[in-house]
Amino acid sequence: MQLVKIRKAQSRVNLVLHIPRPELDPMRFHFMDWTGNGKIGFRRLVLAPSNWLDPSDPVPVCPDCGKPFRKAQELPDNVCYVGDCLEVHDPEQAM
């Protein structure tokens, strides 16, 4: 029980990248393993969904929770939408 309390007291940072990987589903969140130690804290990479679409296309939604993606960048002929529901899909939240 004390070990669980110590682990939760450590600093933990999610590094969120909106970079699609060919071997992973580009519309879902992918959580990598935690790295680090007790002195410097822990961090992990999170690959978040992103999608470039035509401005006339509908806003994409998360296939797991149904939340609409957030507009991140807009160009004259393209709009980038990114997944904005990390907390819902984080496997650590269930603990």
PDB file of N, CA and C in Angstrom:
ATOM      1  N   MET A   1       0.820  -1.187   0.000  1.00  0.00           N
ATOM      2  CA  MET A   1       0.000   0.000   0.000  1.00  0.00           C
ATOM      3  C   MET A   1       0.867   1.255   0.000  1.00  0.00           C
ATOM      4  N   GLN A   2       1.945   1.249   0.764  1.00  0.00           N
ATOM      5  CA  GLN A   2       2.813   2.413   0.829  1.00  0.00           C
ATOM      6  C   GLN A   2       3.504   2.637  -0.509  1.00  0.00           C
ATOM      7  N   LEU A   3       3.853   1.567  -1.221  1.00  0.00           N
ATOM      8  CA  LEU A   3       4.484   1.689  -2.524  1.00  0.00           C
ATOM      9  C   LEU A   3       3.572   2.419  -3.504  1.00  0.00           C
ATOM     10  N   VAL A   4       2.288   2.149  -3.471  1.00  0.00           N
ATOM     11  CA  VAL A   4       1.331   2.824  -4.335  1.00  0.00           C
ATOM     12  C   VAL A   4       1.313   4.318  -4.032  1.00  0.00           C
ATOM     13  N   LYS A   5       1.343   4.698  -2.752  1.00  0.00           N
ATOM     14  CA  LYS A   5       1.355   6.106  -2.371  1.00  0.00           C
ATOM     15  C   LYS A   5       2.627   6.790  -2.856  1.00  0.00           C
ATOM     16  N   ILE A   6       3.764   6.111  -2.732  1.00  0.00           N
ATOM     17  CA  ILE A   6       5.032   6.690  -3.182  1.00  0.00           C
ATOM     18  C   ILE A   6       5.007   6.896  -4.692  1.00  0.00           C
ATOM     19  N   ARG A   7       4.519   5.924  -5.440  1.00  0.00           N
ATOM     20  CA  ARG A   7       4.479   6.049  -6.904  1.00  0.00           C
ATOM     21  C   ARG A   7       3.582   7.204  -7.323  1.00  0.00           C
ATOM     22  N   LYS A   8       2.450   7.387  -6.656  1.00  0.00           N
ATOM     23  CA  LYS A   8       1.548   8.468  -7.022  1.00  0.00           C
ATOM     24  C   LYS A   8       2.131   9.836  -6.659  1.00  0.00           C
ATOM     25  N   ALA A   9       3.084   9.880  -5.724  1.00  0.00           N
ATOM     26  CA  ALA A   9       3.705  11.142  -5.338  1.00  0.00           C
ATOM     27  C   ALA A   9       4.779  11.576  -6.330  1.00  0.00           C
ATOM     28  N   GLN A  10       5.280  10.663  -7.139  1.00  0.00           N
ATOM     29  CA  GLN A  10       6.297  10.996  -8.127  1.00  0.00           C
ATOM     30  C   GLN A  10       5.706  11.885  -9.219  1.00  0.00           C
ATOM     31  N   SER A  11       6.529  12.783  -9.763  1.00  0.00           N
ATOM     32  CA  SER A  11       6.046  13.603 -10.883  1.00  0.00           C
ATOM     33  C   SER A  11       5.934  12.722 -12.129  1.00  0.00           C
ATOM     34  N   ARG A  12       4.821  12.868 -12.825  1.00  0.00           N
ATOM     35  CA  ARG A  12       4.579  12.096 -14.047  1.00  0.00           C
ATOM     36  C   ARG A  12       4.065  13.054 -15.117  1.00  0.00           C
ATOM     37  N   VAL A  13       4.673  12.986 -16.298  1.00  0.00           N
ATOM     38  CA  VAL A  13       4.340  13.903 -17.379  1.00  0.00           C
ATOM     39  C   VAL A  13       4.023  13.094 -18.632  1.00  0.00           C
ATOM     40  N   ASN A  14       2.904  13.430 -19.270  1.00  0.00           N
ATOM     41  CA  ASN A  14       2.563  12.852 -20.568  1.00  0.00           C
ATOM     42  C   ASN A  14       3.079  13.778 -21.660  1.00  0.00           C
ATOM     43  N   LEU A  15       3.880  13.253 -22.569  1.00  0.00           N
ATOM     44  CA  LEU A  15       4.347  14.007 -23.728  1.00  0.00           C
ATOM     45  C   LEU A  15       3.446  13.612 -24.893  1.00  0.00           C
ATOM     46  N   VAL A  16       2.552  14.517 -25.286  1.00  0.00           N
ATOM     47  CA  VAL A  16       1.541  14.211 -26.294  1.00  0.00           C
ATOM     48  C   VAL A  16       2.054  14.631 -27.661  1.00  0.00           C
ATOM     49  N   LEU A  17       2.082  13.679 -28.594  1.00  0.00           N
ATOM     50  CA  LEU A  17       2.513  13.930 -29.970  1.00  0.00           C
ATOM     51  C   LEU A  17       1.347  13.650 -30.910  1.00  0.00           C
ATOM     52  N   HIS A  18       1.153  14.539 -31.835  1.00  0.00           N
ATOM     53  CA  HIS A  18       0.114  14.354 -32.860  1.00  0.00           C
ATOM     54  C   HIS A  18       0.786  13.944 -34.169  1.00  0.00           C
ATOM     55  N   ILE A  19       1.483  12.821 -34.101  1.00  0.00           N
ATOM     56  CA  ILE A  19       2.220  12.309 -35.255  1.00  0.00           C
ATOM     57  C   ILE A  19       1.688  10.921 -35.570  1.00  0.00           C
ATOM     58  N   PRO A  20       1.073  10.727 -36.738  1.00  0.00           N
ATOM     59  CA  PRO A  20       0.545   9.387 -37.057  1.00  0.00           C
ATOM     60  C   PRO A  20       1.672   8.383 -37.279  1.00  0.00           C
ATOM     61  N   ARG A  21       1.443   7.164 -36.836  1.00  0.00           N
ATOM     62  CA  ARG A  21       2.371   6.061 -37.046  1.00  0.00           C
ATOM     63  C   ARG A  21       1.682   5.049 -37.945  1.00  0.00           C
ATOM     64  N   PRO A  22       2.349   4.563 -38.980  1.00  0.00           N
ATOM     65  CA  PRO A  22       1.686   3.651 -39.927  1.00  0.00           C
ATOM     66  C   PRO A  22       1.189   2.350 -39.309  1.00  0.00           C
ATOM     67  N   GLU A  23       1.836   1.878 -38.249  1.00  0.00           N
ATOM     68  CA  GLU A  23       1.441   0.592 -37.661  1.00  0.00           C
ATOM     69  C   GLU A  23       0.332   0.735 -36.620  1.00  0.00           C
ATOM     70  N   LEU A  24      -0.057   1.970 -36.289  1.00  0.00           N
ATOM     71  CA  LEU A  24      -1.082   2.211 -35.275  1.00  0.00           C
ATOM     72  C   LEU A  24      -2.292   2.903 -35.890  1.00  0.00           C
ATOM     73  N   ASP A  25      -3.445   2.692 -35.290  1.00  0.00           N
ATOM     74  CA  ASP A  25      -4.681   3.327 -35.747  1.00  0.00           C
ATOM     75  C   ASP A  25      -4.562   4.838 -35.549  1.00  0.00           C
ATOM     76  N   PRO A  26      -4.631   5.641 -36.610  1.00  0.00           N
ATOM     77  CA  PRO A  26      -4.424   7.091 -36.491  1.00  0.00           C
ATOM     78  C   PRO A  26      -5.581   7.834 -35.826  1.00  0.00           C
ATOM     79  N   MET A  27      -6.694   7.188 -35.558  1.00  0.00           N
ATOM     80  CA  MET A  27      -7.849   7.850 -34.958  1.00  0.00           C
ATOM     81  C   MET A  27      -8.006   7.534 -33.465  1.00  0.00           C
ATOM     82  N   ARG A  28      -7.013   6.849 -32.874  1.00  0.00           N
ATOM     83  CA  ARG A  28      -7.108   6.475 -31.457  1.00  0.00           C
ATOM     84  C   ARG A  28      -5.842   6.897 -30.708  1.00  0.00           C
ATOM     85  N   PHE A  29      -5.971   7.050 -29.385  1.00  0.00           N
ATOM     86  CA  PHE A  29      -4.828   7.354 -28.530  1.00  0.00           C
ATOM     87  C   PHE A  29      -4.022   6.084 -28.289  1.00  0.00           C
ATOM     88  N   HIS A  30      -2.695   6.236 -28.245  1.00  0.00           N
ATOM     89  CA  HIS A  30      -1.795   5.120 -27.963  1.00  0.00           C
ATOM     90  C   HIS A  30      -0.821   5.571 -26.878  1.00  0.00           C
ATOM     91  N   PHE A  31      -0.808   4.864 -25.754  1.00  0.00           N
ATOM     92  CA  PHE A  31       0.019   5.202 -24.608  1.00  0.00           C
ATOM     93  C   PHE A  31       1.228   4.284 -24.563  1.00  0.00           C
ATOM     94  N   MET A  32       2.434   4.864 -24.505  1.00  0.00           N
ATOM     95  CA  MET A  32       3.665   4.094 -24.387  1.00  0.00           C
ATOM     96  C   MET A  32       3.934   3.834 -22.903  1.00  0.00           C
ATOM     97  N   ASP A  33       4.960   3.066 -22.594  1.00  0.00           N
ATOM     98  CA  ASP A  33       5.311   2.748 -21.206  1.00  0.00           C
ATOM     99  C   ASP A  33       5.964   3.954 -20.532  1.00  0.00           C
ATOM    100  N   TRP A  34       5.832   4.006 -19.199  1.00  0.00           N
ATOM    101  CA  TRP A  34       6.481   5.050 -18.419  1.00  0.00           C
ATOM    102  C   TRP A  34       7.983   4.819 -18.422  1.00  0.00           C
ATOM    103  N   THR A  35       8.771   5.909 -18.496  1.00  0.00           N
ATOM    104  CA  THR A  35      10.225   5.832 -18.371  1.00  0.00           C
ATOM    105  C   THR A  35      10.664   6.863 -17.344  1.00  0.00           C
ATOM    106  N   GLY A  36      11.824   6.654 -16.773  1.00  0.00           N
ATOM    107  CA  GLY A  36      12.361   7.578 -15.785  1.00  0.00           C
ATOM    108  C   GLY A  36      12.686   6.855 -14.501  1.00  0.00           C
ATOM    109  N   ASN A  37      12.841   7.630 -13.426  1.00  0.00           N
ATOM    110  CA  ASN A  37      13.130   7.045 -12.114  1.00  0.00           C
ATOM    111  C   ASN A  37      12.600   7.964 -11.028  1.00  0.00           C
ATOM    112  N   GLY A  38      12.776   7.569  -9.784  1.00  0.00           N
ATOM    113  CA  GLY A  38      12.243   8.315  -8.662  1.00  0.00           C
ATOM    114  C   GLY A  38      12.887   9.679  -8.448  1.00  0.00           C
ATOM    115  N   LYS A  39      14.098   9.876  -8.963  1.00  0.00           N
ATOM    116  CA  LYS A  39      14.780  11.157  -8.769  1.00  0.00           C
ATOM    117  C   LYS A  39      14.328  12.215  -9.765  1.00  0.00           C
ATOM    118  N   ILE A  40      14.202  11.827 -11.027  1.00  0.00           N
ATOM    119  CA  ILE A  40      13.847  12.822 -12.052  1.00  0.00           C
ATOM    120  C   ILE A  40      12.369  12.794 -12.419  1.00  0.00           C
ATOM    121  N   GLY A  41      11.657  11.801 -11.950  1.00  0.00           N
ATOM    122  CA  GLY A  41      10.239  11.674 -12.281  1.00  0.00           C
ATOM    123  C   GLY A  41      10.042  10.730 -13.457  1.00  0.00           C
ATOM    124  N   PHE A  42       8.796  10.569 -13.852  1.00  0.00           N
ATOM    125  CA  PHE A  42       8.453   9.638 -14.919  1.00  0.00           C
ATOM    126  C   PHE A  42       7.758  10.377 -16.050  1.00  0.00           C
ATOM    127  N   ARG A  43       7.940   9.884 -17.241  1.00  0.00           N
ATOM    128  CA  ARG A  43       7.265  10.461 -18.411  1.00  0.00           C
ATOM    129  C   ARG A  43       6.953   9.334 -19.398  1.00  0.00           C
ATOM    130  N   ARG A  44       5.954   9.611 -20.228  1.00  0.00           N
ATOM    131  CA  ARG A  44       5.615   8.645 -21.275  1.00  0.00           C
ATOM    132  C   ARG A  44       5.129   9.407 -22.500  1.00  0.00           C
ATOM    133  N   LEU A  45       5.298   8.774 -23.630  1.00  0.00           N
ATOM    134  CA  LEU A  45       4.795   9.324 -24.879  1.00  0.00           C
ATOM    135  C   LEU A  45       3.360   8.883 -25.079  1.00  0.00           C
ATOM    136  N   VAL A  46       2.544   9.810 -25.552  1.00  0.00           N
ATOM    137  CA  VAL A  46       1.168   9.515 -25.913  1.00  0.00           C
ATOM    138  C   VAL A  46       0.997   9.962 -27.358  1.00  0.00           C
ATOM    139  N   LEU A  47       0.654   9.026 -28.224  1.00  0.00           N
ATOM    140  CA  LEU A  47       0.380   9.367 -29.617  1.00  0.00           C
ATOM    141  C   LEU A  47      -1.106   9.667 -29.728  1.00  0.00           C
ATOM    142  N   ALA A  48      -1.411  10.906 -30.052  1.00  0.00           N
ATOM    143  CA  ALA A  48      -2.798  11.363 -30.101  1.00  0.00           C
ATOM    144  C   ALA A  48      -3.260  11.454 -31.552  1.00  0.00           C
ATOM    145  N   PRO A  49      -4.549  11.269 -31.798  1.00  0.00           N
ATOM    146  CA  PRO A  49      -5.053  11.330 -33.166  1.00  0.00           C
ATOM    147  C   PRO A  49      -5.035  12.747 -33.723  1.00  0.00           C
ATOM    148  N   SER A  50      -4.765  12.835 -35.007  1.00  0.00           N
ATOM    149  CA  SER A  50      -4.861  14.105 -35.731  1.00  0.00           C
ATOM    150  C   SER A  50      -5.291  13.790 -37.155  1.00  0.00           C
ATOM    151  N   ASN A  51      -5.930  14.769 -37.782  1.00  0.00           N
ATOM    152  CA  ASN A  51      -6.472  14.533 -39.113  1.00  0.00           C
ATOM    153  C   ASN A  51      -6.544  15.854 -39.871  1.00  0.00           C
ATOM    154  N   TRP A  52      -5.945  15.910 -41.056  1.00  0.00           N
ATOM    155  CA  TRP A  52      -6.045  17.070 -41.931  1.00  0.00           C
ATOM    156  C   TRP A  52      -7.202  16.842 -42.885  1.00  0.00           C
ATOM    157  N   LEU A  53      -8.124  17.792 -42.931  1.00  0.00           N
ATOM    158  CA  LEU A  53      -9.311  17.658 -43.769  1.00  0.00           C
ATOM    159  C   LEU A  53      -9.560  18.924 -44.574  1.00  0.00           C
ATOM    160  N   ASP A  54     -10.388  18.787 -45.581  1.00  0.00           N
ATOM    161  CA  ASP A  54     -10.868  19.929 -46.351  1.00  0.00           C
ATOM    162  C   ASP A  54     -11.799  20.750 -45.446  1.00  0.00           C
ATOM    163  N   PRO A  55     -11.809  22.079 -45.553  1.00  0.00           N
ATOM    164  CA  PRO A  55     -12.681  22.878 -44.683  1.00  0.00           C
ATOM    165  C   PRO A  55     -14.172  22.534 -44.779  1.00  0.00           C
ATOM    166  N   SER A  56     -14.600  21.971 -45.901  1.00  0.00           N
ATOM    167  CA  SER A  56     -16.017  21.628 -46.044  1.00  0.00           C
ATOM    168  C   SER A  56     -16.367  20.260 -45.438  1.00  0.00           C
ATOM    169  N   ASP A  57     -15.365  19.475 -45.054  1.00  0.00           N
ATOM    170  CA  ASP A  57     -15.621  18.164 -44.454  1.00  0.00           C
ATOM    171  C   ASP A  57     -16.122  18.329 -43.012  1.00  0.00           C
ATOM    172  N   PRO A  58     -16.915  17.365 -42.528  1.00  0.00           N
ATOM    173  CA  PRO A  58     -17.390  17.457 -41.139  1.00  0.00           C
ATOM    174  C   PRO A  58     -16.254  17.245 -40.141  1.00  0.00           C
ATOM    175  N   VAL A  59     -16.433  17.783 -38.951  1.00  0.00           N
ATOM    176  CA  VAL A  59     -15.437  17.633 -37.882  1.00  0.00           C
ATOM    177  C   VAL A  59     -15.400  16.169 -37.453  1.00  0.00           C
ATOM    178  N   PRO A  60     -14.204  15.551 -37.414  1.00  0.00           N
ATOM    179  CA  PRO A  60     -14.129  14.150 -36.982  1.00  0.00           C
ATOM    180  C   PRO A  60     -14.424  14.028 -35.482  1.00  0.00           C
ATOM    181  N   VAL A  61     -14.864  12.852 -35.089  1.00  0.00           N
ATOM    182  CA  VAL A  61     -15.139  12.569 -33.678  1.00  0.00           C
ATOM    183  C   VAL A  61     -14.322  11.363 -33.234  1.00  0.00           C
ATOM    184  N   CYS A  62     -14.071  11.278 -31.962  1.00  0.00           N
ATOM    185  CA  CYS A  62     -13.335  10.147 -31.393  1.00  0.00           C
ATOM    186  C   CYS A  62     -14.188   8.889 -31.544  1.00  0.00           C
ATOM    187  N   PRO A  63     -13.632   7.815 -32.115  1.00  0.00           N
ATOM    188  CA  PRO A  63     -14.419   6.589 -32.280  1.00  0.00           C
ATOM    189  C   PRO A  63     -14.725   5.880 -30.967  1.00  0.00           C
ATOM    190  N   ASP A  64     -14.007   6.200 -29.897  1.00  0.00           N
ATOM    191  CA  ASP A  64     -14.218   5.522 -28.616  1.00  0.00           C
ATOM    192  C   ASP A  64     -15.192   6.250 -27.695  1.00  0.00           C
ATOM    193  N   CYS A  65     -15.120   7.592 -27.645  1.00  0.00           N
ATOM    194  CA  CYS A  65     -15.985   8.315 -26.708  1.00  0.00           C
ATOM    195  C   CYS A  65     -16.958   9.273 -27.397  1.00  0.00           C
ATOM    196  N   GLY A  66     -16.768   9.534 -28.682  1.00  0.00           N
ATOM    197  CA  GLY A  66     -17.700  10.369 -29.429  1.00  0.00           C
ATOM    198  C   GLY A  66     -17.478  11.868 -29.304  1.00  0.00           C
ATOM    199  N   LYS A  67     -16.413  12.296 -28.613  1.00  0.00           N
ATOM    200  CA  LYS A  67     -16.149  13.732 -28.479  1.00  0.00           C
ATOM    201  C   LYS A  67     -15.572  14.273 -29.790  1.00  0.00           C
ATOM    202  N   PRO A  68     -16.078  15.427 -30.275  1.00  0.00           N
ATOM    203  CA  PRO A  68     -15.523  16.010 -31.507  1.00  0.00           C
ATOM    204  C   PRO A  68     -14.066  16.435 -31.315  1.00  0.00           C
ATOM    205  N   PHE A  69     -13.290  16.298 -32.373  1.00  0.00           N
ATOM    206  CA  PHE A  69     -11.899  16.729 -32.331  1.00  0.00           C
ATOM    207  C   PHE A  69     -11.858  18.256 -32.273  1.00  0.00           C
ATOM    208  N   ARG A  70     -10.734  18.780 -31.769  1.00  0.00           N
ATOM    209  CA  ARG A  70     -10.516  20.215 -31.646  1.00  0.00           C
ATOM    210  C   ARG A  70      -9.732  20.724 -32.862  1.00  0.00           C
ATOM    211  N   LYS A  71     -10.114  21.900 -33.358  1.00  0.00           N
ATOM    212  CA  LYS A  71      -9.396  22.510 -34.479  1.00  0.00           C
ATOM    213  C   LYS A  71      -8.066  23.027 -33.959  1.00  0.00           C
ATOM    214  N   ALA A  72      -6.957  22.545 -34.540  1.00  0.00           N
ATOM    215  CA  ALA A  72      -5.631  22.927 -34.067  1.00  0.00           C
ATOM    216  C   ALA A  72      -4.972  23.943 -34.990  1.00  0.00           C
ATOM    217  N   GLN A  73      -5.185  23.795 -36.280  1.00  0.00           N
ATOM    218  CA  GLN A  73      -4.547  24.694 -37.241  1.00  0.00           C
ATOM    219  C   GLN A  73      -5.416  24.785 -38.476  1.00  0.00           C
ATOM    220  N   GLU A  74      -5.459  25.975 -39.059  1.00  0.00           N
ATOM    221  CA  GLU A  74      -6.282  26.168 -40.252  1.00  0.00           C
ATOM    222  C   GLU A  74      -5.452  26.851 -41.334  1.00  0.00           C
ATOM    223  N   LEU A  75      -5.427  26.237 -42.499  1.00  0.00           N
ATOM    224  CA  LEU A  75      -4.794  26.788 -43.692  1.00  0.00           C
ATOM    225  C   LEU A  75      -5.891  27.083 -44.703  1.00  0.00           C
ATOM    226  N   PRO A  76      -5.599  27.810 -45.767  1.00  0.00           N
ATOM    227  CA  PRO A  76      -6.659  28.133 -46.728  1.00  0.00           C
ATOM    228  C   PRO A  76      -7.368  26.917 -47.329  1.00  0.00           C
ATOM    229  N   ASP A  77      -6.651  25.814 -47.518  1.00  0.00           N
ATOM    230  CA  ASP A  77      -7.266  24.647 -48.158  1.00  0.00           C
ATOM    231  C   ASP A  77      -7.348  23.413 -47.264  1.00  0.00           C
ATOM    232  N   ASN A  78      -6.861  23.488 -46.016  1.00  0.00           N
ATOM    233  CA  ASN A  78      -6.880  22.355 -45.084  1.00  0.00           C
ATOM    234  C   ASN A  78      -7.090  22.823 -43.654  1.00  0.00           C
ATOM    235  N   VAL A  79      -7.689  21.946 -42.854  1.00  0.00           N
ATOM    236  CA  VAL A  79      -7.857  22.197 -41.426  1.00  0.00           C
ATOM    237  C   VAL A  79      -7.347  20.970 -40.683  1.00  0.00           C
ATOM    238  N   CYS A  80      -6.539  21.203 -39.642  1.00  0.00           N
ATOM    239  CA  CYS A  80      -6.035  20.107 -38.827  1.00  0.00           C
ATOM    240  C   CYS A  80      -6.884  19.995 -37.572  1.00  0.00           C
ATOM    241  N   TYR A  81      -7.421  18.809 -37.323  1.00  0.00           N
ATOM    242  CA  TYR A  81      -8.187  18.521 -36.124  1.00  0.00           C
ATOM    243  C   TYR A  81      -7.407  17.511 -35.291  1.00  0.00           C
ATOM    244  N   VAL A  82      -7.416  17.700 -33.974  1.00  0.00           N
ATOM    245  CA  VAL A  82      -6.696  16.788 -33.080  1.00  0.00           C
ATOM    246  C   VAL A  82      -7.630  16.273 -31.995  1.00  0.00           C
ATOM    247  N   GLY A  83      -7.365  15.063 -31.535  1.00  0.00           N
ATOM    248  CA  GLY A  83      -8.130  14.481 -30.441  1.00  0.00           C
ATOM    249  C   GLY A  83      -7.865  15.248 -29.150  1.00  0.00           C
ATOM    250  N   ASP A  84      -8.914  15.529 -28.406  1.00  0.00           N
ATOM    251  CA  ASP A  84      -8.793  16.354 -27.212  1.00  0.00           C
ATOM    252  C   ASP A  84      -9.432  15.667 -26.000  1.00  0.00           C
ATOM    253  N   CYS A  85      -9.360  14.343 -25.953  1.00  0.00           N
ATOM    254  CA  CYS A  85     -10.010  13.602 -24.862  1.00  0.00           C
ATOM    255  C   CYS A  85      -9.025  12.627 -24.208  1.00  0.00           C
ATOM    256  N   LEU A  86      -7.809  13.080 -23.990  1.00  0.00           N
ATOM    257  CA  LEU A  86      -6.750  12.255 -23.418  1.00  0.00           C
ATOM    258  C   LEU A  86      -7.143  11.680 -22.060  1.00  0.00           C
ATOM    259  N   GLU A  87      -7.729  12.510 -21.190  1.00  0.00           N
ATOM    260  CA  GLU A  87      -8.056  12.066 -19.838  1.00  0.00           C
ATOM    261  C   GLU A  87      -9.064  10.908 -19.836  1.00  0.00           C
ATOM    262  N   VAL A  88      -9.957  10.892 -20.808  1.00  0.00           N
ATOM    263  CA  VAL A  88     -10.973   9.836 -20.877  1.00  0.00           C
ATOM    264  C   VAL A  88     -10.341   8.485 -21.194  1.00  0.00           C
ATOM    265  N   HIS A  89      -9.300   8.486 -22.020  1.00  0.00           N
ATOM    266  CA  HIS A  89      -8.705   7.235 -22.512  1.00  0.00           C
ATOM    267  C   HIS A  89      -7.458   6.809 -21.755  1.00  0.00           C
ATOM    268  N   ASP A  90      -6.971   7.623 -20.834  1.00  0.00           N
ATOM    269  CA  ASP A  90      -5.756   7.322 -20.078  1.00  0.00           C
ATOM    270  C   ASP A  90      -5.991   6.083 -19.210  1.00  0.00           C
ATOM    271  N   PRO A  91      -5.228   5.005 -19.417  1.00  0.00           N
ATOM    272  CA  PRO A  91      -5.426   3.792 -18.618  1.00  0.00           C
ATOM    273  C   PRO A  91      -5.083   4.001 -17.141  1.00  0.00           C
ATOM    274  N   GLU A  92      -4.311   5.012 -16.792  1.00  0.00           N
ATOM    275  CA  GLU A  92      -3.952   5.291 -15.405  1.00  0.00           C
ATOM    276  C   GLU A  92      -5.126   5.891 -14.633  1.00  0.00           C
ATOM    277  N   GLN A  93      -6.091   6.490 -15.307  1.00  0.00           N
ATOM    278  CA  GLN A  93      -7.222   7.126 -14.643  1.00  0.00           C
ATOM    279  C   GLN A  93      -8.105   6.108 -13.920  1.00  0.00           C
ATOM    280  N   ALA A  94      -8.092   4.871 -14.384  1.00  0.00           N
ATOM    281  CA  ALA A  94      -8.914   3.831 -13.769  1.00  0.00           C
ATOM    282  C   ALA A  94      -8.338   3.372 -12.430  1.00  0.00           C
ATOM    283  N   MET A  95      -7.074   3.694 -12.169  1.00  0.00           N
ATOM    284  CA  MET A  95      -6.411   3.215 -10.936  1.00  0.00           C
ATOM    285  C   MET A  95      -6.759   4.082  -9.766  1.00  0.00           C
TER     286      MET A  95
END
